[in-house]
């Protein structure tokens, strides 16, 4: 069965092209366009992994990440923070919010796919 990835990003073109790449790699993709929709879909769709933009309308990615990681029902879902913000302070905030990885935009799709595979495998081994 295909692994489900929730992609939360308000840049529609980027989200669509990344979703296309993920589907071509065999993943099922669920899209959300803002933080609160992303949080709802994370809770209702039970994805295997979440890719979460940081700068989102309604609720930023740091808040969404912290809320999910604070809830035992969702804390084990691997979460990749995805942002144009590449300062050391951004990485630190992402780690503090509970992100499992941090990928900067523009991104290397092969590196992102490798990180997804790594996080999904480590999750399977820890269950």
PDB file of N, CA and C in Angstrom:
ATOM      1  N   UNK A   1       0.840  -1.193   0.000  1.00  0.00           N
ATOM      2  CA  UNK A   1       0.000   0.000   0.000  1.00  0.00           C
ATOM      3  C   UNK A   1       0.878   1.248   0.000  1.00  0.00           C
ATOM      4  N   UNK A   2       0.505   2.226  -0.770  1.00  0.00           N
ATOM      5  CA  UNK A   2       1.305   3.448  -0.891  1.00  0.00           C
ATOM      6  C   UNK A   2       1.307   4.239   0.415  1.00  0.00           C
ATOM      7  N   UNK A   3       2.465   4.789   0.754  1.00  0.00           N
ATOM      8  CA  UNK A   3       2.590   5.661   1.920  1.00  0.00           C
ATOM      9  C   UNK A   3       1.903   6.984   1.595  1.00  0.00           C
ATOM     10  N   UNK A   4       1.243   7.551   2.588  1.00  0.00           N
ATOM     11  CA  UNK A   4       0.507   8.811   2.409  1.00  0.00           C
ATOM     12  C   UNK A   4       1.338   9.975   2.937  1.00  0.00           C
ATOM     13  N   UNK A   5       1.490  10.981   2.093  1.00  0.00           N
ATOM     14  CA  UNK A   5       2.231  12.178   2.472  1.00  0.00           C
ATOM     15  C   UNK A   5       1.290  13.374   2.431  1.00  0.00           C
ATOM     16  N   UNK A   6       1.255  14.110   3.536  1.00  0.00           N
ATOM     17  CA  UNK A   6       0.498  15.357   3.584  1.00  0.00           C
ATOM     18  C   UNK A   6       1.466  16.481   3.256  1.00  0.00           C
ATOM     19  N   UNK A   7       1.163  17.245   2.215  1.00  0.00           N
ATOM     20  CA  UNK A   7       1.979  18.371   1.793  1.00  0.00           C
ATOM     21  C   UNK A   7       1.205  19.655   2.093  1.00  0.00           C
ATOM     22  N   UNK A   8       1.760  20.470   3.000  1.00  0.00           N
ATOM     23  CA  UNK A   8       1.097  21.710   3.401  1.00  0.00           C
ATOM     24  C   UNK A   8       1.935  22.880   2.892  1.00  0.00           C
ATOM     25  N   UNK A   9       1.436  23.547   1.860  1.00  0.00           N
ATOM     26  CA  UNK A   9       2.161  24.682   1.271  1.00  0.00           C
ATOM     27  C   UNK A   9       1.158  25.585   0.574  1.00  0.00           C
ATOM     28  N   UNK A  10       1.320  26.894   0.753  1.00  0.00           N
ATOM     29  CA  UNK A  10       0.382  27.839   0.138  1.00  0.00           C
ATOM     30  C   UNK A  10       0.806  28.271  -1.256  1.00  0.00           C
ATOM     31  N   UNK A  11       1.991  27.845  -1.711  1.00  0.00           N
ATOM     32  CA  UNK A  11       2.416  28.145  -3.082  1.00  0.00           C
ATOM     33  C   UNK A  11       1.878  27.043  -3.980  1.00  0.00           C
ATOM     34  N   UNK A  12       0.743  27.320  -4.602  1.00  0.00           N
ATOM     35  CA  UNK A  12       0.015  26.303  -5.361  1.00  0.00           C
ATOM     36  C   UNK A  12       0.854  25.624  -6.450  1.00  0.00           C
ATOM     37  N   UNK A  13       1.593  26.408  -7.236  1.00  0.00           N
ATOM     38  CA  UNK A  13       2.396  25.813  -8.317  1.00  0.00           C
ATOM     39  C   UNK A  13       3.460  24.873  -7.766  1.00  0.00           C
ATOM     40  N   UNK A  14       4.139  25.305  -6.721  1.00  0.00           N
ATOM     41  CA  UNK A  14       5.173  24.471  -6.109  1.00  0.00           C
ATOM     42  C   UNK A  14       4.550  23.205  -5.534  1.00  0.00           C
ATOM     43  N   UNK A  15       3.427  23.348  -4.833  1.00  0.00           N
ATOM     44  CA  UNK A  15       2.762  22.198  -4.222  1.00  0.00           C
ATOM     45  C   UNK A  15       2.342  21.192  -5.291  1.00  0.00           C
ATOM     46  N   UNK A  16       1.778  21.694  -6.399  1.00  0.00           N
ATOM     47  CA  UNK A  16       1.340  20.798  -7.473  1.00  0.00           C
ATOM     48  C   UNK A  16       2.515  20.066  -8.117  1.00  0.00           C
ATOM     49  N   UNK A  17       3.621  20.785  -8.373  1.00  0.00           N
ATOM     50  CA  UNK A  17       4.759  20.123  -9.016  1.00  0.00           C
ATOM     51  C   UNK A  17       5.416  19.121  -8.063  1.00  0.00           C
ATOM     52  N   UNK A  18       5.493  19.459  -6.779  1.00  0.00           N
ATOM     53  CA  UNK A  18       6.059  18.513  -5.813  1.00  0.00           C
ATOM     54  C   UNK A  18       5.132  17.307  -5.647  1.00  0.00           C
ATOM     55  N   UNK A  19       3.830  17.544  -5.610  1.00  0.00           N
ATOM     56  CA  UNK A  19       2.870  16.436  -5.503  1.00  0.00           C
ATOM     57  C   UNK A  19       3.018  15.490  -6.701  1.00  0.00           C
ATOM     58  N   UNK A  20       3.214  16.057  -7.892  1.00  0.00           N
ATOM     59  CA  UNK A  20       3.414  15.255  -9.095  1.00  0.00           C
ATOM     60  C   UNK A  20       4.647  14.361  -8.933  1.00  0.00           C
ATOM     61  N   UNK A  21       5.763  14.945  -8.455  1.00  0.00           N
ATOM     62  CA  UNK A  21       6.999  14.169  -8.252  1.00  0.00           C
ATOM     63  C   UNK A  21       6.794  13.058  -7.232  1.00  0.00           C
ATOM     64  N   UNK A  22       6.098  13.395  -6.141  1.00  0.00           N
ATOM     65  CA  UNK A  22       5.870  12.396  -5.093  1.00  0.00           C
ATOM     66  C   UNK A  22       4.990  11.254  -5.605  1.00  0.00           C
ATOM     67  N   UNK A  23       3.949  11.600  -6.352  1.00  0.00           N
ATOM     68  CA  UNK A  23       3.070  10.558  -6.911  1.00  0.00           C
ATOM     69  C   UNK A  23       3.844   9.682  -7.898  1.00  0.00           C
ATOM     70  N   UNK A  24       4.717  10.298  -8.688  1.00  0.00           N
ATOM     71  CA  UNK A  24       5.540   9.540  -9.642  1.00  0.00           C
ATOM     72  C   UNK A  24       6.488   8.588  -8.913  1.00  0.00           C
ATOM     73  N   UNK A  25       6.798   8.901  -7.652  1.00  0.00           N
ATOM     74  CA  UNK A  25       7.670   8.037  -6.840  1.00  0.00           C
ATOM     75  C   UNK A  25       6.862   7.021  -6.036  1.00  0.00           C
ATOM     76  N   UNK A  26       5.548   6.967  -6.279  1.00  0.00           N
ATOM     77  CA  UNK A  26       4.730   5.934  -5.658  1.00  0.00           C
ATOM     78  C   UNK A  26       4.011   6.326  -4.380  1.00  0.00           C
ATOM     79  N   UNK A  27       4.024   7.598  -4.026  1.00  0.00           N
ATOM     80  CA  UNK A  27       3.347   8.038  -2.807  1.00  0.00           C
ATOM     81  C   UNK A  27       1.948   8.548  -3.119  1.00  0.00           C
ATOM     82  N   UNK A  28       1.064   8.411  -2.145  1.00  0.00           N
ATOM     83  CA  UNK A  28      -0.252   9.048  -2.213  1.00  0.00           C
ATOM     84  C   UNK A  28      -0.056  10.430  -1.585  1.00  0.00           C
ATOM     85  N   UNK A  29      -0.597  11.476  -2.201  1.00  0.00           N
ATOM     86  CA  UNK A  29      -0.370  12.837  -1.713  1.00  0.00           C
ATOM     87  C   UNK A  29      -1.690  13.512  -1.361  1.00  0.00           C
ATOM     88  N   UNK A  30      -1.701  14.133  -0.186  1.00  0.00           N
ATOM     89  CA  UNK A  30      -2.833  14.927   0.276  1.00  0.00           C
ATOM     90  C   UNK A  30      -2.324  16.362   0.357  1.00  0.00           C
ATOM     91  N   UNK A  31      -3.057  17.307  -0.222  1.00  0.00           N
ATOM     92  CA  UNK A  31      -2.616  18.708  -0.229  1.00  0.00           C
ATOM     93  C   UNK A  31      -3.429  19.552   0.734  1.00  0.00           C
ATOM     94  N   UNK A  32      -2.758  20.520   1.360  1.00  0.00           N
ATOM     95  CA  UNK A  32      -3.425  21.531   2.188  1.00  0.00           C
ATOM     96  C   UNK A  32      -2.754  22.867   1.894  1.00  0.00           C
ATOM     97  N   UNK A  33      -3.549  23.946   1.842  1.00  0.00           N
ATOM     98  CA  UNK A  33      -3.030  25.243   1.426  1.00  0.00           C
ATOM     99  C   UNK A  33      -2.767  26.249   2.528  1.00  0.00           C
ATOM    100  N   UNK A  34      -3.103  25.904   3.785  1.00  0.00           N
ATOM    101  CA  UNK A  34      -2.790  26.804   4.893  1.00  0.00           C
ATOM    102  C   UNK A  34      -2.587  25.981   6.166  1.00  0.00           C
ATOM    103  N   UNK A  35      -2.120  26.638   7.215  1.00  0.00           N
ATOM    104  CA  UNK A  35      -1.779  25.926   8.449  1.00  0.00           C
ATOM    105  C   UNK A  35      -2.942  25.226   9.123  1.00  0.00           C
ATOM    106  N   UNK A  36      -4.096  25.904   9.199  1.00  0.00           N
ATOM    107  CA  UNK A  36      -5.200  25.270   9.906  1.00  0.00           C
ATOM    108  C   UNK A  36      -5.778  24.098   9.109  1.00  0.00           C
ATOM    109  N   UNK A  37      -5.813  24.208   7.773  1.00  0.00           N
ATOM    110  CA  UNK A  37      -6.247  23.076   6.942  1.00  0.00           C
ATOM    111  C   UNK A  37      -5.246  21.925   7.081  1.00  0.00           C
ATOM    112  N   UNK A  38      -3.960  22.259   7.135  1.00  0.00           N
ATOM    113  CA  UNK A  38      -2.924  21.239   7.306  1.00  0.00           C
ATOM    114  C   UNK A  38      -3.083  20.487   8.619  1.00  0.00           C
ATOM    115  N   UNK A  39      -3.359  21.226   9.695  1.00  0.00           N
ATOM    116  CA  UNK A  39      -3.554  20.602  11.005  1.00  0.00           C
ATOM    117  C   UNK A  39      -4.773  19.675  10.981  1.00  0.00           C
ATOM    118  N   UNK A  40      -5.877  20.155  10.389  1.00  0.00           N
ATOM    119  CA  UNK A  40      -7.089  19.326  10.287  1.00  0.00           C
ATOM    120  C   UNK A  40      -6.825  18.055   9.488  1.00  0.00           C
ATOM    121  N   UNK A  41      -6.162  18.205   8.350  1.00  0.00           N
ATOM    122  CA  UNK A  41      -5.898  17.030   7.499  1.00  0.00           C
ATOM    123  C   UNK A  41      -4.914  16.071   8.167  1.00  0.00           C
ATOM    124  N   UNK A  42      -3.953  16.609   8.920  1.00  0.00           N
ATOM    125  CA  UNK A  42      -3.015  15.733   9.641  1.00  0.00           C
ATOM    126  C   UNK A  42      -3.771  14.859  10.635  1.00  0.00           C
ATOM    127  N   UNK A  43      -4.768  15.434  11.273  1.00  0.00           N
ATOM    128  CA  UNK A  43      -5.535  14.680  12.274  1.00  0.00           C
ATOM    129  C   UNK A  43      -6.555  13.732  11.640  1.00  0.00           C
ATOM    130  N   UNK A  44      -7.157  14.136  10.520  1.00  0.00           N
ATOM    131  CA  UNK A  44      -8.213  13.331   9.912  1.00  0.00           C
ATOM    132  C   UNK A  44      -7.725  12.311   8.893  1.00  0.00           C
ATOM    133  N   UNK A  45      -6.640  12.620   8.184  1.00  0.00           N
ATOM    134  CA  UNK A  45      -6.164  11.745   7.107  1.00  0.00           C
ATOM    135  C   UNK A  45      -5.094  10.758   7.571  1.00  0.00           C
ATOM    136  N   UNK A  46      -4.532  10.964   8.739  1.00  0.00           N
ATOM    137  CA  UNK A  46      -3.488  10.101   9.312  1.00  0.00           C
ATOM    138  C   UNK A  46      -2.366   9.780   8.308  1.00  0.00           C
ATOM    139  N   UNK A  47      -1.648  10.805   7.841  1.00  0.00           N
ATOM    140  CA  UNK A  47      -0.572  10.564   6.873  1.00  0.00           C
ATOM    141  C   UNK A  47       0.606   9.821   7.512  1.00  0.00           C
ATOM    142  N   UNK A  48       1.424   9.217   6.660  1.00  0.00           N
ATOM    143  CA  UNK A  48       2.637   8.539   7.136  1.00  0.00           C
ATOM    144  C   UNK A  48       3.774   9.532   7.336  1.00  0.00           C
ATOM    145  N   UNK A  49       3.680  10.693   6.667  1.00  0.00           N
ATOM    146  CA  UNK A  49       4.721  11.720   6.746  1.00  0.00           C
ATOM    147  C   UNK A  49       4.089  13.052   6.355  1.00  0.00           C
ATOM    148  N   UNK A  50       4.624  14.142   6.922  1.00  0.00           N
ATOM    149  CA  UNK A  50       4.115  15.479   6.609  1.00  0.00           C
ATOM    150  C   UNK A  50       5.263  16.352   6.117  1.00  0.00           C
ATOM    151  N   UNK A  51       5.029  17.065   5.014  1.00  0.00           N
ATOM    152  CA  UNK A  51       5.952  18.096   4.535  1.00  0.00           C
ATOM    153  C   UNK A  51       5.232  19.416   4.775  1.00  0.00           C
ATOM    154  N   UNK A  52       5.845  20.267   5.590  1.00  0.00           N
ATOM    155  CA  UNK A  52       5.156  21.446   6.105  1.00  0.00           C
ATOM    156  C   UNK A  52       5.940  22.725   5.834  1.00  0.00           C
ATOM    157  N   UNK A  53       5.353  23.604   5.039  1.00  0.00           N
ATOM    158  CA  UNK A  53       5.944  24.927   4.813  1.00  0.00           C
ATOM    159  C   UNK A  53       5.860  25.698   6.129  1.00  0.00           C
ATOM    160  N   UNK A  54       6.783  26.627   6.341  1.00  0.00           N
ATOM    161  CA  UNK A  54       6.763  27.404   7.587  1.00  0.00           C
ATOM    162  C   UNK A  54       5.927  28.670   7.484  1.00  0.00           C
ATOM    163  N   UNK A  55       5.997  29.346   6.347  1.00  0.00           N
ATOM    164  CA  UNK A  55       5.270  30.607   6.204  1.00  0.00           C
ATOM    165  C   UNK A  55       3.934  30.338   5.521  1.00  0.00           C
ATOM    166  N   UNK A  56       2.902  30.169   6.347  1.00  0.00           N
ATOM    167  CA  UNK A  56       1.576  29.800   5.865  1.00  0.00           C
ATOM    168  C   UNK A  56       0.517  30.774   6.384  1.00  0.00           C
ATOM    169  N   UNK A  57      -0.571  30.943   5.628  1.00  0.00           N
ATOM    170  CA  UNK A  57      -1.691  31.733   6.145  1.00  0.00           C
ATOM    171  C   UNK A  57      -2.393  30.988   7.288  1.00  0.00           C
ATOM    172  N   UNK A  58      -3.111  31.709   8.109  1.00  0.00           N
ATOM    173  CA  UNK A  58      -3.950  31.226   9.213  1.00  0.00           C
ATOM    174  C   UNK A  58      -3.173  30.709  10.414  1.00  0.00           C
ATOM    175  N   UNK A  59      -2.166  29.880  10.191  1.00  0.00           N
ATOM    176  CA  UNK A  59      -1.351  29.349  11.282  1.00  0.00           C
ATOM    177  C   UNK A  59      -0.011  28.956  10.679  1.00  0.00           C
ATOM    178  N   UNK A  60       1.103  29.453  11.256  1.00  0.00           N
ATOM    179  CA  UNK A  60       2.390  29.143  10.625  1.00  0.00           C
ATOM    180  C   UNK A  60       2.831  27.705  10.897  1.00  0.00           C
ATOM    181  N   UNK A  61       3.808  27.273  10.117  1.00  0.00           N
ATOM    182  CA  UNK A  61       4.269  25.892  10.205  1.00  0.00           C
ATOM    183  C   UNK A  61       4.858  25.520  11.557  1.00  0.00           C
ATOM    184  N   UNK A  62       5.502  26.481  12.226  1.00  0.00           N
ATOM    185  CA  UNK A  62       6.045  26.203  13.564  1.00  0.00           C
ATOM    186  C   UNK A  62       4.914  25.817  14.519  1.00  0.00           C
ATOM    187  N   UNK A  63       3.794  26.561  14.457  1.00  0.00           N
ATOM    188  CA  UNK A  63       2.650  26.279  15.336  1.00  0.00           C
ATOM    189  C   UNK A  63       2.041  24.914  15.025  1.00  0.00           C
ATOM    190  N   UNK A  64       1.846  24.631  13.736  1.00  0.00           N
ATOM    191  CA  UNK A  64       1.277  23.349  13.330  1.00  0.00           C
ATOM    192  C   UNK A  64       2.177  22.216  13.819  1.00  0.00           C
ATOM    193  N   UNK A  65       3.462  22.341  13.597  1.00  0.00           N
ATOM    194  CA  UNK A  65       4.427  21.321  14.005  1.00  0.00           C
ATOM    195  C   UNK A  65       4.375  21.105  15.520  1.00  0.00           C
ATOM    196  N   UNK A  66       4.426  22.196  16.287  1.00  0.00           N
ATOM    197  CA  UNK A  66       4.427  22.093  17.749  1.00  0.00           C
ATOM    198  C   UNK A  66       3.141  21.431  18.261  1.00  0.00           C
ATOM    199  N   UNK A  67       2.002  21.792  17.671  1.00  0.00           N
ATOM    200  CA  UNK A  67       0.721  21.197  18.097  1.00  0.00           C
ATOM    201  C   UNK A  67       0.686  19.695  17.810  1.00  0.00           C
ATOM    202  N   UNK A  68       1.158  19.296  16.639  1.00  0.00           N
ATOM    203  CA  UNK A  68       1.167  17.869  16.291  1.00  0.00           C
ATOM    204  C   UNK A  68       2.149  17.090  17.159  1.00  0.00           C
ATOM    205  N   UNK A  69       3.323  17.640  17.372  1.00  0.00           N
ATOM    206  CA  UNK A  69       4.346  16.930  18.145  1.00  0.00           C
ATOM    207  C   UNK A  69       3.999  16.859  19.636  1.00  0.00           C
ATOM    208  N   UNK A  70       3.141  17.773  20.107  1.00  0.00           N
ATOM    209  CA  UNK A  70       2.737  17.770  21.514  1.00  0.00           C
ATOM    210  C   UNK A  70       1.612  16.762  21.784  1.00  0.00           C
ATOM    211  N   UNK A  71       0.983  16.261  20.728  1.00  0.00           N
ATOM    212  CA  UNK A  71      -0.135  15.333  20.864  1.00  0.00           C
ATOM    213  C   UNK A  71       0.351  13.904  20.632  1.00  0.00           C
ATOM    214  N   UNK A  72       0.255  13.032  21.646  1.00  0.00           N
ATOM    215  CA  UNK A  72       0.760  11.654  21.504  1.00  0.00           C
ATOM    216  C   UNK A  72       0.171  10.898  20.315  1.00  0.00           C
ATOM    217  N   UNK A  73      -1.042  11.254  19.865  1.00  0.00           N
ATOM    218  CA  UNK A  73      -1.654  10.560  18.722  1.00  0.00           C
ATOM    219  C   UNK A  73      -0.931  10.860  17.415  1.00  0.00           C
ATOM    220  N   UNK A  74      -0.251  12.019  17.339  1.00  0.00           N
ATOM    221  CA  UNK A  74       0.373  12.443  16.076  1.00  0.00           C
ATOM    222  C   UNK A  74       1.874  12.665  16.180  1.00  0.00           C
ATOM    223  N   UNK A  75       2.415  12.575  17.387  1.00  0.00           N
ATOM    224  CA  UNK A  75       3.823  12.942  17.604  1.00  0.00           C
ATOM    225  C   UNK A  75       4.807  12.042  16.862  1.00  0.00           C
ATOM    226  N   UNK A  76       4.392  10.825  16.503  1.00  0.00           N
ATOM    227  CA  UNK A  76       5.308   9.897  15.821  1.00  0.00           C
ATOM    228  C   UNK A  76       5.323  10.058  14.307  1.00  0.00           C
ATOM    229  N   UNK A  77       4.456  10.918  13.770  1.00  0.00           N
ATOM    230  CA  UNK A  77       4.450  11.150  12.319  1.00  0.00           C
ATOM    231  C   UNK A  77       5.691  11.974  11.963  1.00  0.00           C
ATOM    232  N   UNK A  78       6.585  11.461  11.104  1.00  0.00           N
ATOM    233  CA  UNK A  78       7.761  12.247  10.709  1.00  0.00           C
ATOM    234  C   UNK A  78       7.324  13.534  10.016  1.00  0.00           C
ATOM    235  N   UNK A  79       8.003  14.624  10.357  1.00  0.00           N
ATOM    236  CA  UNK A  79       7.604  15.927   9.855  1.00  0.00           C
ATOM    237  C   UNK A  79       8.811  16.661   9.284  1.00  0.00           C
ATOM    238  N   UNK A  80       8.736  16.978   7.988  1.00  0.00           N
ATOM    239  CA  UNK A  80       9.799  17.727   7.322  1.00  0.00           C
ATOM    240  C   UNK A  80       9.353  19.177   7.213  1.00  0.00           C
ATOM    241  N   UNK A  81      10.114  20.077   7.805  1.00  0.00           N
ATOM    242  CA  UNK A  81       9.852  21.502   7.658  1.00  0.00           C
ATOM    243  C   UNK A  81      10.472  21.944   6.344  1.00  0.00           C
ATOM    244  N   UNK A  82       9.751  22.788   5.620  1.00  0.00           N
ATOM    245  CA  UNK A  82      10.074  23.097   4.235  1.00  0.00           C
ATOM    246  C   UNK A  82       9.971  24.610   4.073  1.00  0.00           C
ATOM    247  N   UNK A  83      11.105  25.285   3.830  1.00  0.00           N
ATOM    248  CA  UNK A  83      11.035  26.744   3.829  1.00  0.00           C
ATOM    249  C   UNK A  83      12.149  27.404   3.040  1.00  0.00           C
ATOM    250  N   UNK A  84      11.892  28.646   2.622  1.00  0.00           N
ATOM    251  CA  UNK A  84      12.948  29.455   2.009  1.00  0.00           C
ATOM    252  C   UNK A  84      13.854  30.030   3.103  1.00  0.00           C
ATOM    253  N   UNK A  85      13.404  29.987   4.342  1.00  0.00           N
ATOM    254  CA  UNK A  85      14.183  30.541   5.448  1.00  0.00           C
ATOM    255  C   UNK A  85      15.344  29.606   5.761  1.00  0.00           C
ATOM    256  N   UNK A  86      16.559  30.131   5.644  1.00  0.00           N
ATOM    257  CA  UNK A  86      17.736  29.260   5.773  1.00  0.00           C
ATOM    258  C   UNK A  86      18.740  29.769   6.808  1.00  0.00           C
ATOM    259  N   UNK A  87      18.295  30.600   7.727  1.00  0.00           N
ATOM    260  CA  UNK A  87      19.186  31.082   8.786  1.00  0.00           C
ATOM    261  C   UNK A  87      19.334  30.013   9.864  1.00  0.00           C
ATOM    262  N   UNK A  88      20.443  30.045  10.588  1.00  0.00           N
ATOM    263  CA  UNK A  88      20.663  29.104  11.687  1.00  0.00           C
ATOM    264  C   UNK A  88      19.509  29.181  12.694  1.00  0.00           C
ATOM    265  N   UNK A  89      19.006  30.400  12.939  1.00  0.00           N
ATOM    266  CA  UNK A  89      17.900  30.577  13.898  1.00  0.00           C
ATOM    267  C   UNK A  89      16.633  29.862  13.418  1.00  0.00           C
ATOM    268  N   UNK A  90      16.416  29.813  12.098  1.00  0.00           N
ATOM    269  CA  UNK A  90      15.249  29.114  11.552  1.00  0.00           C
ATOM    270  C   UNK A  90      15.356  27.606  11.797  1.00  0.00           C
ATOM    271  N   UNK A  91      16.565  27.065  11.586  1.00  0.00           N
ATOM    272  CA  UNK A  91      16.782  25.634  11.827  1.00  0.00           C
ATOM    273  C   UNK A  91      16.543  25.321  13.308  1.00  0.00           C
ATOM    274  N   UNK A  92      17.040  26.198  14.181  1.00  0.00           N
ATOM    275  CA  UNK A  92      16.907  26.017  15.633  1.00  0.00           C
ATOM    276  C   UNK A  92      15.427  26.037  16.032  1.00  0.00           C
ATOM    277  N   UNK A  93      14.674  27.013  15.517  1.00  0.00           N
ATOM    278  CA  UNK A  93      13.231  27.088  15.807  1.00  0.00           C
ATOM    279  C   UNK A  93      12.511  25.837  15.320  1.00  0.00           C
ATOM    280  N   UNK A  94      12.890  25.357  14.149  1.00  0.00           N
ATOM    281  CA  UNK A  94      12.280  24.150  13.597  1.00  0.00           C
ATOM    282  C   UNK A  94      12.523  22.943  14.476  1.00  0.00           C
ATOM    283  N   UNK A  95      13.742  22.820  14.983  1.00  0.00           N
ATOM    284  CA  UNK A  95      14.081  21.707  15.873  1.00  0.00           C
ATOM    285  C   UNK A  95      13.304  21.818  17.183  1.00  0.00           C
ATOM    286  N   UNK A  96      13.225  23.045  17.725  1.00  0.00           N
ATOM    287  CA  UNK A  96      12.487  23.268  18.968  1.00  0.00           C
ATOM    288  C   UNK A  96      11.005  22.949  18.808  1.00  0.00           C
ATOM    289  N   UNK A  97      10.449  23.219  17.616  1.00  0.00           N
ATOM    290  CA  UNK A  97       9.025  22.927  17.362  1.00  0.00           C
ATOM    291  C   UNK A  97       8.793  21.422  17.201  1.00  0.00           C
ATOM    292  N   UNK A  98       9.876  20.665  16.966  1.00  0.00           N
ATOM    293  CA  UNK A  98       9.751  19.213  16.863  1.00  0.00           C
ATOM    294  C   UNK A  98       9.936  18.645  15.475  1.00  0.00           C
ATOM    295  N   UNK A  99      10.370  19.473  14.523  1.00  0.00           N
ATOM    296  CA  UNK A  99      10.583  18.977  13.162  1.00  0.00           C
ATOM    297  C   UNK A  99      11.641  17.884  13.120  1.00  0.00           C
ATOM    298  N   UNK A 100      11.423  16.879  12.281  1.00  0.00           N
ATOM    299  CA  UNK A 100      12.381  15.770  12.146  1.00  0.00           C
ATOM    300  C   UNK A 100      13.453  16.059  11.113  1.00  0.00           C
ATOM    301  N   UNK A 101      13.160  16.990  10.207  1.00  0.00           N
ATOM    302  CA  UNK A 101      14.134  17.381   9.177  1.00  0.00           C
ATOM    303  C   UNK A 101      13.768  18.780   8.707  1.00  0.00           C
ATOM    304  N   UNK A 102      14.721  19.447   8.070  1.00  0.00           N
ATOM    305  CA  UNK A 102      14.500  20.809   7.578  1.00  0.00           C
ATOM    306  C   UNK A 102      15.095  20.873   6.180  1.00  0.00           C
ATOM    307  N   UNK A 103      14.262  21.127   5.202  1.00  0.00           N
ATOM    308  CA  UNK A 103      14.693  21.221   3.802  1.00  0.00           C
ATOM    309  C   UNK A 103      14.437  22.647   3.332  1.00  0.00           C
ATOM    310  N   UNK A 104      15.463  23.264   2.735  1.00  0.00           N
ATOM    311  CA  UNK A 104      15.281  24.638   2.265  1.00  0.00           C
ATOM    312  C   UNK A 104      14.887  24.662   0.797  1.00  0.00           C
ATOM    313  N   UNK A 105      14.073  25.663   0.445  1.00  0.00           N
ATOM    314  CA  UNK A 105      13.691  25.920  -0.946  1.00  0.00           C
ATOM    315  C   UNK A 105      14.670  26.953  -1.492  1.00  0.00           C
ATOM    316  N   UNK A 106      15.027  26.933  -2.753  1.00  0.00           N
ATOM    317  CA  UNK A 106      14.707  25.856  -3.690  1.00  0.00           C
ATOM    318  C   UNK A 106      15.376  24.556  -3.241  1.00  0.00           C
ATOM    319  N   UNK A 107      14.778  23.446  -3.570  1.00  0.00           N
ATOM    320  CA  UNK A 107      15.247  22.171  -3.033  1.00  0.00           C
ATOM    321  C   UNK A 107      15.678  21.223  -4.146  1.00  0.00           C
ATOM    322  N   UNK A 108      16.486  20.273  -3.765  1.00  0.00           N
ATOM    323  CA  UNK A 108      16.914  19.204  -4.669  1.00  0.00           C
ATOM    324  C   UNK A 108      15.913  18.063  -4.480  1.00  0.00           C
ATOM    325  N   UNK A 109      15.146  17.745  -5.516  1.00  0.00           N
ATOM    326  CA  UNK A 109      14.089  16.747  -5.354  1.00  0.00           C
ATOM    327  C   UNK A 109      14.645  15.379  -4.962  1.00  0.00           C
ATOM    328  N   UNK A 110      15.840  15.026  -5.444  1.00  0.00           N
ATOM    329  CA  UNK A 110      16.434  13.735  -5.061  1.00  0.00           C
ATOM    330  C   UNK A 110      16.773  13.704  -3.572  1.00  0.00           C
ATOM    331  N   UNK A 111      17.283  14.831  -3.060  1.00  0.00           N
ATOM    332  CA  UNK A 111      17.610  14.915  -1.628  1.00  0.00           C
ATOM    333  C   UNK A 111      16.327  14.829  -0.794  1.00  0.00           C
ATOM    334  N   UNK A 112      15.265  15.483  -1.260  1.00  0.00           N
ATOM    335  CA  UNK A 112      13.993  15.432  -0.540  1.00  0.00           C
ATOM    336  C   UNK A 112      13.439  14.008  -0.551  1.00  0.00           C
ATOM    337  N   UNK A 113      13.451  13.339  -1.697  1.00  0.00           N
ATOM    338  CA  UNK A 113      12.952  11.964  -1.782  1.00  0.00           C
ATOM    339  C   UNK A 113      13.774  11.024  -0.893  1.00  0.00           C
ATOM    340  N   UNK A 114      15.077  11.241  -0.842  1.00  0.00           N
ATOM    341  CA  UNK A 114      15.939  10.413   0.009  1.00  0.00           C
ATOM    342  C   UNK A 114      15.597  10.624   1.486  1.00  0.00           C
ATOM    343  N   UNK A 115      15.353  11.870   1.879  1.00  0.00           N
ATOM    344  CA  UNK A 115      15.010  12.184   3.266  1.00  0.00           C
ATOM    345  C   UNK A 115      13.655  11.571   3.620  1.00  0.00           C
ATOM    346  N   UNK A 116      12.691  11.640   2.712  1.00  0.00           N
ATOM    347  CA  UNK A 116      11.369  11.037   2.936  1.00  0.00           C
ATOM    348  C   UNK A 116      11.523   9.540   3.180  1.00  0.00           C
ATOM    349  N   UNK A 117      12.282   8.884   2.297  1.00  0.00           N
ATOM    350  CA  UNK A 117      12.492   7.440   2.413  1.00  0.00           C
ATOM    351  C   UNK A 117      13.157   7.091   3.752  1.00  0.00           C
ATOM    352  N   UNK A 118      14.177   7.863   4.120  1.00  0.00           N
ATOM    353  CA  UNK A 118      14.899   7.638   5.378  1.00  0.00           C
ATOM    354  C   UNK A 118      13.957   7.773   6.585  1.00  0.00           C
ATOM    355  N   UNK A 119      13.160   8.829   6.610  1.00  0.00           N
ATOM    356  CA  UNK A 119      12.255   9.051   7.744  1.00  0.00           C
ATOM    357  C   UNK A 119      11.167   7.983   7.812  1.00  0.00           C
ATOM    358  N   UNK A 120      10.633   7.571   6.666  1.00  0.00           N
ATOM    359  CA  UNK A 120       9.608   6.528   6.661  1.00  0.00           C
ATOM    360  C   UNK A 120      10.192   5.194   7.136  1.00  0.00           C
ATOM    361  N   UNK A 121      11.413   4.882   6.728  1.00  0.00           N
ATOM    362  CA  UNK A 121      12.046   3.633   7.163  1.00  0.00           C
ATOM    363  C   UNK A 121      12.348   3.668   8.644  1.00  0.00           C
ATOM    364  N   UNK A 122      12.845   4.801   9.152  1.00  0.00           N
ATOM    365  CA  UNK A 122      13.168   4.860  10.578  1.00  0.00           C
ATOM    366  C   UNK A 122      11.888   4.795  11.419  1.00  0.00           C
ATOM    367  N   UNK A 123      10.781   5.313  10.888  1.00  0.00           N
ATOM    368  CA  UNK A 123       9.503   5.232  11.595  1.00  0.00           C
ATOM    369  C   UNK A 123       9.036   3.781  11.674  1.00  0.00           C
ATOM    370  N   UNK A 124       9.181   3.058  10.572  1.00  0.00           N
ATOM    371  CA  UNK A 124       8.769   1.644  10.566  1.00  0.00           C
ATOM    372  C   UNK A 124       9.561   0.821  11.572  1.00  0.00           C
ATOM    373  N   UNK A 125      10.848   1.135  11.704  1.00  0.00           N
ATOM    374  CA  UNK A 125      11.698   0.378  12.620  1.00  0.00           C
ATOM    375  C   UNK A 125      11.428   0.730  14.070  1.00  0.00           C
ATOM    376  N   UNK A 126      10.871   1.912  14.326  1.00  0.00           N
ATOM    377  CA  UNK A 126      10.668   2.328  15.709  1.00  0.00           C
ATOM    378  C   UNK A 126       9.272   1.975  16.232  1.00  0.00           C
ATOM    379  N   UNK A 127       8.410   1.425  15.365  1.00  0.00           N
ATOM    380  CA  UNK A 127       7.039   1.091  15.810  1.00  0.00           C
ATOM    381  C   UNK A 127       7.013  -0.314  16.381  1.00  0.00           C
TER     382      UNK A 127
END
